[in-house]
Each structure stands twice: as structure tokens, then as C-alpha cells.
Amino acid sequence: MSVVLTIKESSHGLWAICSGSAVLFDGLGFAHAIRLARGLGREEHANSGRTVYVEMACTEFTIDLVQYADADMSAPAVAA
């Protein structure tokens, strides 16, 4: 089972980090939200071994920022 952390714009131009419908952190600046979500993803993967995706969701589209997974030599590399 994988984990998806989503960075979403919240009120007043600030940002939130969510896991599913649960808001983990709110009221963050844009750069801080990205750094924190990536750090949470790395930590979750290191502790659980599960694949973790970090994405940024806008109203029109979603951008995949990073994927933390065990190395699979048959799969293409993902930049971190």
C-alpha cells in the first residue's frame, strides 16, 4: 500500500499538506510546504518501507513532485 501526501492551497494564499482527507499541516508558505512534505515522505518511506508520493494539487491539474520507493532496476529512475 502506498501513501500520498498532497500539497494544496488553503486560505489567504497559504498552503496545507494533506494525506487523503486529513490535513496534517496548514498555514504554510509555499517553499516551506514543499520542503516539509518531501521530508515527511522521506521519513515515512524510511520508517515503513512503503512507497510514498508527494504531489501538488491545483484546481486545474496535479503535479507529481517526488516518489520515494525501493530501487527497482527494471523501472526508470525518478528524480528526488
PDB file of N, CA and C in Angstrom:
ATOM      1  N   MET A   1       0.839  -1.175   0.000  1.00  0.00           N
ATOM      2  CA  MET A   1       0.000   0.000   0.000  1.00  0.00           C
ATOM      3  C   MET A   1       0.884   1.238   0.000  1.00  0.00           C
ATOM      4  N   SER A   2       0.497   2.236  -0.764  1.00  0.00           N
ATOM      5  CA  SER A   2       1.290   3.453  -0.847  1.00  0.00           C
ATOM      6  C   SER A   2       0.633   4.589  -0.070  1.00  0.00           C
ATOM      7  N   VAL A   3       1.403   5.632   0.148  1.00  0.00           N
ATOM      8  CA  VAL A   3       0.949   6.829   0.851  1.00  0.00           C
ATOM      9  C   VAL A   3       1.062   7.993  -0.122  1.00  0.00           C
ATOM     10  N   VAL A   4       0.046   8.854  -0.151  1.00  0.00           N
ATOM     11  CA  VAL A   4       0.082  10.047  -0.993  1.00  0.00           C
ATOM     12  C   VAL A   4      -0.044  11.266  -0.092  1.00  0.00           C
ATOM     13  N   LEU A   5       0.955  12.152  -0.156  1.00  0.00           N
ATOM     14  CA  LEU A   5       0.913  13.430   0.542  1.00  0.00           C
ATOM     15  C   LEU A   5       0.654  14.501  -0.512  1.00  0.00           C
ATOM     16  N   THR A   6      -0.364  15.316  -0.277  1.00  0.00           N
ATOM     17  CA  THR A   6      -0.765  16.313  -1.257  1.00  0.00           C
ATOM     18  C   THR A   6      -0.613  17.707  -0.667  1.00  0.00           C
ATOM     19  N   ILE A   7       0.040  18.582  -1.423  1.00  0.00           N
ATOM     20  CA  ILE A   7       0.165  19.986  -1.057  1.00  0.00           C
ATOM     21  C   ILE A   7      -0.952  20.723  -1.785  1.00  0.00           C
ATOM     22  N   LYS A   8      -1.795  21.413  -1.000  1.00  0.00           N
ATOM     23  CA  LYS A   8      -2.947  22.122  -1.565  1.00  0.00           C
ATOM     24  C   LYS A   8      -2.955  23.558  -1.071  1.00  0.00           C
ATOM     25  N   GLU A   9      -3.431  24.469  -1.927  1.00  0.00           N
ATOM     26  CA  GLU A   9      -3.568  25.846  -1.486  1.00  0.00           C
ATOM     27  C   GLU A   9      -4.726  25.941  -0.506  1.00  0.00           C
ATOM     28  N   SER A  10      -4.486  26.601   0.614  1.00  0.00           N
ATOM     29  CA  SER A  10      -5.538  26.807   1.601  1.00  0.00           C
ATOM     30  C   SER A  10      -5.920  28.288   1.582  1.00  0.00           C
ATOM     31  N   SER A  11      -6.369  28.805   2.663  1.00  0.00           N
ATOM     32  CA  SER A  11      -6.846  30.186   2.694  1.00  0.00           C
ATOM     33  C   SER A  11      -5.710  31.214   2.643  1.00  0.00           C
ATOM     34  N   HIS A  12      -6.031  32.362   2.058  1.00  0.00           N
ATOM     35  CA  HIS A  12      -5.155  33.535   2.051  1.00  0.00           C
ATOM     36  C   HIS A  12      -3.801  33.275   1.404  1.00  0.00           C
ATOM     37  N   GLY A  13      -3.753  32.409   0.397  1.00  0.00           N
ATOM     38  CA  GLY A  13      -2.518  32.150  -0.322  1.00  0.00           C
ATOM     39  C   GLY A  13      -1.529  31.270   0.410  1.00  0.00           C
ATOM     40  N   LEU A  14      -1.948  30.676   1.522  1.00  0.00           N
ATOM     41  CA  LEU A  14      -1.078  29.759   2.238  1.00  0.00           C
ATOM     42  C   LEU A  14      -1.358  28.341   1.764  1.00  0.00           C
ATOM     43  N   TRP A  15      -0.558  27.380   2.263  1.00  0.00           N
ATOM     44  CA  TRP A  15      -0.620  26.013   1.745  1.00  0.00           C
ATOM     45  C   TRP A  15      -0.797  25.009   2.871  1.00  0.00           C
ATOM     46  N   ALA A  16      -1.391  23.875   2.538  1.00  0.00           N
ATOM     47  CA  ALA A  16      -1.628  22.794   3.504  1.00  0.00           C
ATOM     48  C   ALA A  16      -1.044  21.497   2.954  1.00  0.00           C
ATOM     49  N   ILE A  17      -0.657  20.606   3.857  1.00  0.00           N
ATOM     50  CA  ILE A  17      -0.208  19.260   3.491  1.00  0.00           C
ATOM     51  C   ILE A  17      -1.271  18.295   3.994  1.00  0.00           C
ATOM     52  N   CYS A  18      -1.780  17.479   3.075  1.00  0.00           N
ATOM     53  CA  CYS A  18      -2.863  16.553   3.394  1.00  0.00           C
ATOM     54  C   CYS A  18      -2.453  15.121   3.072  1.00  0.00           C
ATOM     55  N   SER A  19      -3.054  14.200   3.797  1.00  0.00           N
ATOM     56  CA  SER A  19      -2.953  12.785   3.490  1.00  0.00           C
ATOM     57  C   SER A  19      -4.382  12.287   3.403  1.00  0.00           C
ATOM     58  N   GLY A  20      -4.847  12.060   2.191  1.00  0.00           N
ATOM     59  CA  GLY A  20      -6.262  11.767   1.994  1.00  0.00           C
ATOM     60  C   GLY A  20      -7.070  12.997   2.356  1.00  0.00           C
ATOM     61  N   SER A  21      -8.082  12.827   3.188  1.00  0.00           N
ATOM     62  CA  SER A  21      -8.899  13.972   3.606  1.00  0.00           C
ATOM     63  C   SER A  21      -8.373  14.626   4.890  1.00  0.00           C
ATOM     64  N   ALA A  22      -7.343  14.039   5.492  1.00  0.00           N
ATOM     65  CA  ALA A  22      -6.782  14.578   6.734  1.00  0.00           C
ATOM     66  C   ALA A  22      -5.765  15.676   6.442  1.00  0.00           C
ATOM     67  N   VAL A  23      -5.920  16.821   7.091  1.00  0.00           N
ATOM     68  CA  VAL A  23      -4.960  17.920   6.972  1.00  0.00           C
ATOM     69  C   VAL A  23      -3.893  17.709   8.037  1.00  0.00           C
ATOM     70  N   LEU A  24      -2.656  17.521   7.584  1.00  0.00           N
ATOM     71  CA  LEU A  24      -1.545  17.296   8.515  1.00  0.00           C
ATOM     72  C   LEU A  24      -0.952  18.611   9.008  1.00  0.00           C
ATOM     73  N   PHE A  25      -0.776  19.556   8.089  1.00  0.00           N
ATOM     74  CA  PHE A  25      -0.231  20.877   8.411  1.00  0.00           C
ATOM     75  C   PHE A  25      -0.968  21.901   7.565  1.00  0.00           C
ATOM     76  N   ASP A  26      -1.171  23.104   8.113  1.00  0.00           N
ATOM     77  CA  ASP A  26      -1.873  24.152   7.380  1.00  0.00           C
ATOM     78  C   ASP A  26      -1.200  25.491   7.681  1.00  0.00           C
ATOM     79  N   GLY A  27      -1.461  26.468   6.836  1.00  0.00           N
ATOM     80  CA  GLY A  27      -0.932  27.813   7.061  1.00  0.00           C
ATOM     81  C   GLY A  27       0.550  27.942   6.754  1.00  0.00           C
ATOM     82  N   LEU A  28       1.035  27.156   5.798  1.00  0.00           N
ATOM     83  CA  LEU A  28       2.459  27.160   5.456  1.00  0.00           C
ATOM     84  C   LEU A  28       2.733  28.022   4.231  1.00  0.00           C
ATOM     85  N   GLY A  29       3.928  28.597   4.190  1.00  0.00           N
ATOM     86  CA  GLY A  29       4.392  29.242   2.969  1.00  0.00           C
ATOM     87  C   GLY A  29       4.659  28.172   1.915  1.00  0.00           C
ATOM     88  N   PHE A  30       4.675  28.579   0.646  1.00  0.00           N
ATOM     89  CA  PHE A  30       4.807  27.629  -0.453  1.00  0.00           C
ATOM     90  C   PHE A  30       6.076  26.781  -0.351  1.00  0.00           C
ATOM     91  N   ALA A  31       7.234  27.410  -0.242  1.00  0.00           N
ATOM     92  CA  ALA A  31       8.501  26.678  -0.190  1.00  0.00           C
ATOM     93  C   ALA A  31       8.571  25.785   1.053  1.00  0.00           C
ATOM     94  N   HIS A  32       8.090  26.293   2.174  1.00  0.00           N
ATOM     95  CA  HIS A  32       8.111  25.506   3.412  1.00  0.00           C
ATOM     96  C   HIS A  32       7.224  24.270   3.272  1.00  0.00           C
ATOM     97  N   ALA A  33       6.065  24.417   2.643  1.00  0.00           N
ATOM     98  CA  ALA A  33       5.160  23.280   2.440  1.00  0.00           C
ATOM     99  C   ALA A  33       5.829  22.198   1.594  1.00  0.00           C
ATOM    100  N   ILE A  34       6.521  22.597   0.544  1.00  0.00           N
ATOM    101  CA  ILE A  34       7.204  21.617  -0.314  1.00  0.00           C
ATOM    102  C   ILE A  34       8.304  20.905   0.455  1.00  0.00           C
ATOM    103  N   ARG A  35       9.145  21.666   1.154  1.00  0.00           N
ATOM    104  CA  ARG A  35      10.244  21.047   1.919  1.00  0.00           C
ATOM    105  C   ARG A  35       9.710  20.100   2.984  1.00  0.00           C
ATOM    106  N   LEU A  36       8.668  20.532   3.704  1.00  0.00           N
ATOM    107  CA  LEU A  36       8.114  19.703   4.772  1.00  0.00           C
ATOM    108  C   LEU A  36       7.474  18.436   4.210  1.00  0.00           C
ATOM    109  N   ALA A  37       6.723  18.553   3.132  1.00  0.00           N
ATOM    110  CA  ALA A  37       6.076  17.373   2.538  1.00  0.00           C
ATOM    111  C   ALA A  37       7.116  16.376   2.040  1.00  0.00           C
ATOM    112  N   ARG A  38       8.170  16.862   1.414  1.00  0.00           N
ATOM    113  CA  ARG A  38       9.232  15.961   0.948  1.00  0.00           C
ATOM    114  C   ARG A  38       9.913  15.276   2.132  1.00  0.00           C
ATOM    115  N   GLY A  39      10.171  16.026   3.195  1.00  0.00           N
ATOM    116  CA  GLY A  39      10.777  15.436   4.393  1.00  0.00           C
ATOM    117  C   GLY A  39       9.877  14.400   5.037  1.00  0.00           C
ATOM    118  N   LEU A  40       8.580  14.702   5.121  1.00  0.00           N
ATOM    119  CA  LEU A  40       7.631  13.726   5.669  1.00  0.00           C
ATOM    120  C   LEU A  40       7.590  12.470   4.806  1.00  0.00           C
ATOM    121  N   GLY A  41       7.640  12.642   3.490  1.00  0.00           N
ATOM    122  CA  GLY A  41       7.628  11.499   2.581  1.00  0.00           C
ATOM    123  C   GLY A  41       8.858  10.620   2.759  1.00  0.00           C
ATOM    124  N   ARG A  42      10.031  11.255   2.847  1.00  0.00           N
ATOM    125  CA  ARG A  42      11.278  10.504   3.066  1.00  0.00           C
ATOM    126  C   ARG A  42      11.218   9.737   4.378  1.00  0.00           C
ATOM    127  N   GLU A  43      10.747  10.405   5.432  1.00  0.00           N
ATOM    128  CA  GLU A  43      10.682   9.778   6.754  1.00  0.00           C
ATOM    129  C   GLU A  43       9.690   8.612   6.772  1.00  0.00           C
ATOM    130  N   GLU A  44       8.525   8.801   6.164  1.00  0.00           N
ATOM    131  CA  GLU A  44       7.522   7.724   6.111  1.00  0.00           C
ATOM    132  C   GLU A  44       8.073   6.518   5.357  1.00  0.00           C
ATOM    133  N   HIS A  45       8.738   6.770   4.237  1.00  0.00           N
ATOM    134  CA  HIS A  45       9.306   5.661   3.456  1.00  0.00           C
ATOM    135  C   HIS A  45      10.399   4.943   4.252  1.00  0.00           C
ATOM    136  N   ALA A  46      11.262   5.716   4.905  1.00  0.00           N
ATOM    137  CA  ALA A  46      12.349   5.112   5.685  1.00  0.00           C
ATOM    138  C   ALA A  46      11.811   4.274   6.839  1.00  0.00           C
ATOM    139  N   ASN A  47      10.737   4.736   7.481  1.00  0.00           N
ATOM    140  CA  ASN A  47      10.185   4.026   8.646  1.00  0.00           C
ATOM    141  C   ASN A  47       9.313   2.835   8.276  1.00  0.00           C
ATOM    142  N   SER A  48       8.553   2.959   7.192  1.00  0.00           N
ATOM    143  CA  SER A  48       7.571   1.912   6.873  1.00  0.00           C
ATOM    144  C   SER A  48       7.960   1.054   5.676  1.00  0.00           C
ATOM    145  N   GLY A  49       8.837   1.579   4.815  1.00  0.00           N
ATOM    146  CA  GLY A  49       9.195   0.866   3.599  1.00  0.00           C
ATOM    147  C   GLY A  49       8.158   0.992   2.504  1.00  0.00           C
ATOM    148  N   ARG A  50       7.044   1.689   2.791  1.00  0.00           N
ATOM    149  CA  ARG A  50       6.001   1.849   1.777  1.00  0.00           C
ATOM    150  C   ARG A  50       6.404   2.905   0.741  1.00  0.00           C
ATOM    151  N   THR A  51       5.839   2.798  -0.432  1.00  0.00           N
ATOM    152  CA  THR A  51       6.035   3.810  -1.463  1.00  0.00           C
ATOM    153  C   THR A  51       5.264   5.055  -1.054  1.00  0.00           C
ATOM    154  N   VAL A  52       5.914   6.220  -1.177  1.00  0.00           N
ATOM    155  CA  VAL A  52       5.279   7.481  -0.809  1.00  0.00           C
ATOM    156  C   VAL A  52       5.365   8.425  -1.999  1.00  0.00           C
ATOM    157  N   TYR A  53       4.232   9.016  -2.350  1.00  0.00           N
ATOM    158  CA  TYR A  53       4.160  10.007  -3.417  1.00  0.00           C
ATOM    159  C   TYR A  53       3.885  11.368  -2.792  1.00  0.00           C
ATOM    160  N   VAL A  54       4.582  12.394  -3.273  1.00  0.00           N
ATOM    161  CA  VAL A  54       4.310  13.767  -2.866  1.00  0.00           C
ATOM    162  C   VAL A  54       3.872  14.501  -4.120  1.00  0.00           C
ATOM    163  N   GLU A  55       2.698  15.146  -4.042  1.00  0.00           N
ATOM    164  CA  GLU A  55       2.147  15.838  -5.198  1.00  0.00           C
ATOM    165  C   GLU A  55       1.625  17.204  -4.780  1.00  0.00           C
ATOM    166  N   MET A  56       1.484  18.093  -5.765  1.00  0.00           N
ATOM    167  CA  MET A  56       0.896  19.400  -5.536  1.00  0.00           C
ATOM    168  C   MET A  56      -0.377  19.466  -6.364  1.00  0.00           C
ATOM    169  N   ALA A  57      -1.504  19.731  -5.720  1.00  0.00           N
ATOM    170  CA  ALA A  57      -2.789  19.761  -6.406  1.00  0.00           C
ATOM    171  C   ALA A  57      -3.261  21.198  -6.572  1.00  0.00           C
ATOM    172  N   CYS A  58      -3.579  21.555  -7.805  1.00  0.00           N
ATOM    173  CA  CYS A  58      -4.189  22.838  -8.122  1.00  0.00           C
ATOM    174  C   CYS A  58      -5.606  22.550  -8.612  1.00  0.00           C
ATOM    175  N   THR A  59      -6.375  23.569  -8.871  1.00  0.00           N
ATOM    176  CA  THR A  59      -7.741  23.346  -9.323  1.00  0.00           C
ATOM    177  C   THR A  59      -7.791  22.715 -10.708  1.00  0.00           C
ATOM    178  N   GLU A  60      -6.826  23.017 -11.572  1.00  0.00           N
ATOM    179  CA  GLU A  60      -6.838  22.509 -12.941  1.00  0.00           C
ATOM    180  C   GLU A  60      -6.024  21.238 -13.148  1.00  0.00           C
ATOM    181  N   PHE A  61      -5.037  20.980 -12.300  1.00  0.00           N
ATOM    182  CA  PHE A  61      -4.136  19.854 -12.532  1.00  0.00           C
ATOM    183  C   PHE A  61      -3.418  19.459 -11.249  1.00  0.00           C
ATOM    184  N   THR A  62      -2.726  18.326 -11.315  1.00  0.00           N
ATOM    185  CA  THR A  62      -1.890  17.842 -10.209  1.00  0.00           C
ATOM    186  C   THR A  62      -0.487  17.605 -10.744  1.00  0.00           C
ATOM    187  N   ILE A  63       0.515  18.053  -9.990  1.00  0.00           N
ATOM    188  CA  ILE A  63       1.915  17.871 -10.363  1.00  0.00           C
ATOM    189  C   ILE A  63       2.549  16.876  -9.402  1.00  0.00           C
ATOM    190  N   ASP A  64       3.133  15.809  -9.939  1.00  0.00           N
ATOM    191  CA  ASP A  64       3.884  14.864  -9.118  1.00  0.00           C
ATOM    192  C   ASP A  64       5.236  15.479  -8.809  1.00  0.00           C
ATOM    193  N   LEU A  65       5.561  15.620  -7.525  1.00  0.00           N
ATOM    194  CA  LEU A  65       6.827  16.228  -7.133  1.00  0.00           C
ATOM    195  C   LEU A  65       7.919  15.194  -6.901  1.00  0.00           C
ATOM    196  N   VAL A  66       7.590  14.104  -6.201  1.00  0.00           N
ATOM    197  CA  VAL A  66       8.608  13.095  -5.896  1.00  0.00           C
ATOM    198  C   VAL A  66       7.927  11.789  -5.513  1.00  0.00           C
ATOM    199  N   GLN A  67       8.650  10.701  -5.729  1.00  0.00           N
ATOM    200  CA  GLN A  67       8.205   9.372  -5.310  1.00  0.00           C
ATOM    201  C   GLN A  67       9.345   8.730  -4.552  1.00  0.00           C
ATOM    202  N   TYR A  68       9.049   8.252  -3.351  1.00  0.00           N
ATOM    203  CA  TYR A  68      10.029   7.514  -2.563  1.00  0.00           C
ATOM    204  C   TYR A  68       9.646   6.049  -2.607  1.00  0.00           C
ATOM    205  N   ALA A  69      10.506   5.230  -3.192  1.00  0.00           N
ATOM    206  CA  ALA A  69      10.243   3.803  -3.322  1.00  0.00           C
ATOM    207  C   ALA A  69      11.573   3.080  -3.319  1.00  0.00           C
ATOM    208  N   ASP A  70      11.528   1.772  -3.039  1.00  0.00           N
ATOM    209  CA  ASP A  70      12.736   0.976  -3.117  1.00  0.00           C
ATOM    210  C   ASP A  70      13.196   0.919  -4.562  1.00  0.00           C
ATOM    211  N   ALA A  71      14.486   0.897  -4.748  1.00  0.00           N
ATOM    212  CA  ALA A  71      15.052   0.853  -6.093  1.00  0.00           C
ATOM    213  C   ALA A  71      14.637  -0.426  -6.802  1.00  0.00           C
ATOM    214  N   ASP A  72      14.147  -0.283  -8.013  1.00  0.00           N
ATOM    215  CA  ASP A  72      13.763  -1.408  -8.862  1.00  0.00           C
ATOM    216  C   ASP A  72      14.536  -1.230 -10.155  1.00  0.00           C
ATOM    217  N   MET A  73      15.443  -2.114 -10.423  1.00  0.00           N
ATOM    218  CA  MET A  73      16.340  -1.953 -11.577  1.00  0.00           C
ATOM    219  C   MET A  73      15.581  -1.984 -12.909  1.00  0.00           C
ATOM    220  N   SER A  74      14.368  -2.548 -12.944  1.00  0.00           N
ATOM    221  CA  SER A  74      13.619  -2.601 -14.186  1.00  0.00           C
ATOM    222  C   SER A  74      12.796  -1.347 -14.431  1.00  0.00           C
ATOM    223  N   ALA A  75      12.630  -0.512 -13.395  1.00  0.00           N
ATOM    224  CA  ALA A  75      11.827   0.692 -13.535  1.00  0.00           C
ATOM    225  C   ALA A  75      12.725   1.903 -13.812  1.00  0.00           C
ATOM    226  N   PRO A  76      12.222   2.905 -14.524  1.00  0.00           N
ATOM    227  CA  PRO A  76      13.014   4.115 -14.758  1.00  0.00           C
ATOM    228  C   PRO A  76      13.248   4.867 -13.463  1.00  0.00           C
ATOM    229  N   ALA A  77      14.352   5.562 -13.382  1.00  0.00           N
ATOM    230  CA  ALA A  77      14.712   6.321 -12.183  1.00  0.00           C
ATOM    231  C   ALA A  77      13.799   7.534 -12.037  1.00  0.00           C
ATOM    232  N   VAL A  78      13.503   7.913 -10.792  1.00  0.00           N
ATOM    233  CA  VAL A  78      12.678   9.072 -10.506  1.00  0.00           C
ATOM    234  C   VAL A  78      13.552  10.070  -9.756  1.00  0.00           C
ATOM    235  N   ALA A  79      13.588  11.306 -10.241  1.00  0.00           N
ATOM    236  CA  ALA A  79      14.395  12.334  -9.591  1.00  0.00           C
ATOM    237  C   ALA A  79      13.796  12.704  -8.237  1.00  0.00           C
ATOM    238  N   ALA A  80      14.679  12.917  -7.264  1.00  0.00           N
ATOM    239  CA  ALA A  80      14.186  13.273  -5.919  1.00  0.00           C
ATOM    240  C   ALA A  80      14.456  14.683  -5.600  1.00  0.00           C
TER     241      ALA A  80
END
